[in-house]
Amino acid sequence: MATERWGNPIKVGFENADATTVNGPFDALKCLTDLWPVTRGLHYLKARSTCRAALDGRKTCEEARAEFLAAAEEAKLKLH
């Protein structure tokens, strides 16, 4: 569901944009789709898949959060 939220939002800094606050799997999927600098990599693909699964109820929101954090680390993004 698009309304699912994480207990602790993540702020992600992108090189040519303001920091974006990611509140849950829906925001994470939008960020991965629209703003991500490198659309390759194992963690990027797993994060997209897990966020979709969390929105469908097949994975938990916290699993999506963990994969999103791994993808951000893989892309060397600044987390606040």
Protein backbone atom coordinates (compact mmCIF):
# COMPACT_ATOMS: atom_id res chain seq x y z
CA MET A 1 0.00 0.00 0.00
CA ALA A 2 1.20 3.49 -0.83
CA THR A 3 0.41 4.73 2.69
CA GLU A 4 2.82 2.39 4.52
CA ARG A 5 5.53 4.39 6.28
CA TRP A 6 8.80 3.60 7.96
CA GLY A 7 9.23 4.35 11.63
CA ASN A 8 12.38 6.33 10.81
CA PRO A 9 12.39 8.27 7.48
CA ILE A 10 15.59 8.48 5.44
CA LYS A 11 16.98 11.70 3.94
CA VAL A 12 18.97 11.06 0.79
CA GLY A 13 21.28 13.64 -0.75
CA PHE A 14 21.71 13.74 -4.51
CA GLU A 15 24.51 15.55 -6.31
CA ASN A 16 22.43 18.10 -8.26
CA ALA A 17 19.30 18.25 -6.12
CA ASP A 18 18.11 19.00 -2.62
CA ALA A 19 17.97 16.19 -0.10
CA THR A 20 14.86 14.05 -0.48
CA THR A 21 13.00 12.58 2.49
CA VAL A 22 11.91 9.01 1.92
CA ASN A 23 9.08 7.96 4.26
CA GLY A 24 8.30 4.47 3.02
CA PRO A 25 8.33 2.00 0.13
CA PHE A 26 6.24 4.20 -2.18
CA ASP A 27 8.60 7.18 -1.76
CA ALA A 28 11.59 4.85 -2.09
CA LEU A 29 10.33 3.37 -5.35
CA LYS A 30 9.65 6.85 -6.74
CA CYS A 31 13.15 7.94 -5.71
CA LEU A 32 14.75 4.84 -7.24
CA THR A 33 12.83 5.38 -10.47
CA ASP A 34 13.08 9.15 -10.86
CA LEU A 35 16.24 10.31 -9.08
CA TRP A 36 18.70 7.43 -8.80
CA PRO A 37 22.09 8.21 -10.37
CA VAL A 38 23.03 4.60 -11.24
CA THR A 39 20.22 2.33 -12.39
CA ARG A 40 22.34 -0.80 -12.30
CA GLY A 41 23.68 -2.89 -9.54
CA LEU A 42 22.44 -5.75 -7.44
CA HIS A 43 21.24 -3.63 -4.52
CA TYR A 44 19.44 -1.16 -6.79
CA LEU A 45 17.53 -3.99 -8.48
CA LYS A 46 16.77 -5.70 -5.16
CA ALA A 47 15.56 -2.42 -3.64
CA ARG A 48 13.17 -1.78 -6.52
CA SER A 49 11.84 -5.31 -6.34
CA THR A 50 11.48 -5.29 -2.56
CA CYS A 51 9.73 -1.91 -2.54
CA ARG A 52 7.22 -3.19 -5.09
CA ALA A 53 6.73 -6.35 -3.03
CA ALA A 54 6.18 -4.27 0.12
CA LEU A 55 3.54 -2.21 -1.67
CA ASP A 56 1.83 -5.45 -2.71
CA GLY A 57 2.05 -6.88 0.81
CA ARG A 58 4.51 -9.63 -0.11
CA LYS A 59 7.39 -8.09 1.91
CA THR A 60 7.51 -5.89 4.98
CA CYS A 61 8.18 -2.18 4.95
CA GLU A 62 11.31 -2.75 7.00
CA GLU A 63 12.67 -5.21 4.43
CA ALA A 64 12.16 -2.51 1.79
CA ARG A 65 13.92 0.02 4.01
CA ALA A 66 16.94 -2.26 4.46
CA GLU A 67 17.24 -2.84 0.70
CA PHE A 68 16.83 0.88 0.00
CA LEU A 69 19.67 1.67 2.42
CA ALA A 70 21.87 -0.96 0.75
CA ALA A 71 21.13 0.57 -2.66
CA ALA A 72 21.98 4.05 -1.37
CA GLU A 73 25.28 2.77 -0.02
CA GLU A 74 25.97 1.00 -3.32
CA ALA A 75 25.34 4.28 -5.19
CA LYS A 76 27.51 6.17 -2.68
CA LEU A 77 24.72 8.59 -1.82
CA LYS A 78 24.78 10.75 1.27
CA LEU A 79 22.30 9.75 3.94
CA HIS A 80 21.18 12.28 6.55
